[in-house]
């Protein structure tokens, strides 16, 4: 993608596309679902819409951006759950090791 000379010049003015893209990214991040199930269900809907086609470029980009945000949300939730399980496993393993029968 090539930028117009106006965009390259660094004059401080944004193109309409840049303003729209920035606004769409902010909207997509702001409305992230709280649960894994909700984020994953919405991500599946986004993927289905993109696969079905028939979208204009702006709609497809908006959906793709939303899908990326949802995928990141799912990944963060899973990472957090894995860390929680790892911590619980480590905490529960310590007392069990101390409680093992000792041979005399």
Protein backbone atom coordinates (compact mmCIF):
# COMPACT_ATOMS: atom_id res chain seq x y z
CA UNK A 1 0.00 0.00 0.00
CA UNK A 2 1.43 3.35 -1.00
CA UNK A 3 0.71 6.49 0.92
CA UNK A 4 -0.31 9.66 -0.81
CA UNK A 5 2.28 12.46 -0.86
CA UNK A 6 0.15 14.33 1.66
CA UNK A 7 0.29 11.39 4.09
CA UNK A 8 4.03 10.93 3.55
CA UNK A 9 4.86 14.55 4.20
CA UNK A 10 4.09 14.30 7.90
CA UNK A 11 2.05 17.48 7.74
CA UNK A 12 -0.01 16.26 10.67
CA UNK A 13 -3.22 15.83 8.71
CA UNK A 14 -4.71 12.35 8.51
CA UNK A 15 -6.47 10.95 5.50
CA UNK A 16 -10.08 9.88 5.92
CA UNK A 17 -8.98 6.24 5.68
CA UNK A 18 -6.46 6.71 8.50
CA UNK A 19 -9.08 8.39 10.70
CA UNK A 20 -11.60 5.63 10.00
CA UNK A 21 -9.05 2.86 10.58
CA UNK A 22 -7.90 4.40 13.85
CA UNK A 23 -11.49 4.85 15.03
CA UNK A 24 -12.41 1.29 14.09
CA UNK A 25 -9.42 -0.09 15.99
CA UNK A 26 -10.36 1.89 19.08
CA UNK A 27 -13.99 0.73 18.84
CA UNK A 28 -12.96 -2.91 18.43
CA UNK A 29 -10.71 -2.79 21.51
CA UNK A 30 -13.22 -0.93 23.64
CA UNK A 31 -16.03 -3.45 23.17
CA UNK A 32 -14.10 -6.66 23.93
CA UNK A 33 -16.30 -9.33 25.56
CA UNK A 34 -15.53 -10.25 29.16
CA UNK A 35 -15.77 -14.04 28.88
CA UNK A 36 -13.90 -16.51 26.69
CA UNK A 37 -17.17 -18.06 25.52
CA UNK A 38 -18.62 -14.71 24.40
CA UNK A 39 -15.40 -13.68 22.64
CA UNK A 40 -15.04 -17.07 20.92
CA UNK A 41 -18.69 -17.13 19.78
CA UNK A 42 -18.35 -13.64 18.30
CA UNK A 43 -15.05 -14.60 16.67
CA UNK A 44 -16.77 -17.56 15.00
CA UNK A 45 -19.46 -15.21 13.65
CA UNK A 46 -16.81 -12.84 12.31
CA UNK A 47 -14.95 -15.68 10.58
CA UNK A 48 -18.19 -16.96 9.04
CA UNK A 49 -19.06 -13.50 7.71
CA UNK A 50 -15.59 -13.07 6.21
CA UNK A 51 -15.69 -16.54 4.66
CA UNK A 52 -19.15 -15.95 3.19
CA UNK A 53 -17.83 -12.92 1.32
CA UNK A 54 -20.02 -10.30 -0.27
CA UNK A 55 -18.54 -7.55 1.89
CA UNK A 56 -17.08 -4.35 0.62
CA UNK A 57 -13.47 -3.63 1.51
CA UNK A 58 -14.26 -1.34 4.45
CA UNK A 59 -16.65 -3.87 6.01
CA UNK A 60 -14.12 -6.68 5.53
CA UNK A 61 -11.34 -4.61 7.12
CA UNK A 62 -13.58 -3.67 10.03
CA UNK A 63 -14.53 -7.32 10.59
CA UNK A 64 -10.93 -8.46 10.24
CA UNK A 65 -9.85 -5.91 12.84
CA UNK A 66 -12.64 -7.03 15.16
CA UNK A 67 -11.64 -10.66 14.65
CA UNK A 68 -8.03 -9.86 15.50
CA UNK A 69 -9.12 -8.13 18.70
CA UNK A 70 -11.36 -11.07 19.64
CA UNK A 71 -8.58 -13.58 18.96
CA UNK A 72 -6.23 -11.58 21.19
CA UNK A 73 -8.88 -11.47 23.91
CA UNK A 74 -9.33 -15.25 23.72
CA UNK A 75 -5.57 -15.77 23.84
CA UNK A 76 -5.20 -13.52 26.89
CA UNK A 77 -8.00 -15.33 28.73
CA UNK A 78 -6.50 -18.74 27.94
CA UNK A 79 -3.01 -17.57 28.96
CA UNK A 80 -4.40 -16.27 32.24
CA UNK A 81 -6.23 -19.54 32.89
CA UNK A 82 -3.08 -21.57 32.13
CA UNK A 83 -1.07 -19.43 34.54
CA UNK A 84 -3.74 -19.87 37.21
CA UNK A 85 -3.73 -23.67 36.76
CA UNK A 86 0.09 -23.73 36.85
CA UNK A 87 0.10 -21.77 40.10
CA UNK A 88 -2.55 -24.00 41.66
CA UNK A 89 -0.69 -27.11 40.60
CA UNK A 90 2.57 -25.81 42.06
CA UNK A 91 0.88 -24.81 45.32
CA UNK A 92 -0.89 -28.14 45.72
CA UNK A 93 2.21 -30.15 44.83
CA UNK A 94 4.27 -28.72 47.69
CA UNK A 95 2.06 -29.92 50.58
CA UNK A 96 1.68 -33.34 48.97
CA UNK A 97 5.43 -33.77 48.74
CA UNK A 98 5.77 -33.02 52.46
CA UNK A 99 2.94 -35.42 53.35
CA UNK A 100 4.43 -38.47 51.61
CA UNK A 101 5.11 -41.43 53.90
CA UNK A 102 8.67 -41.65 55.15
CA UNK A 103 10.42 -44.95 55.46
CA UNK A 104 12.28 -45.61 58.72
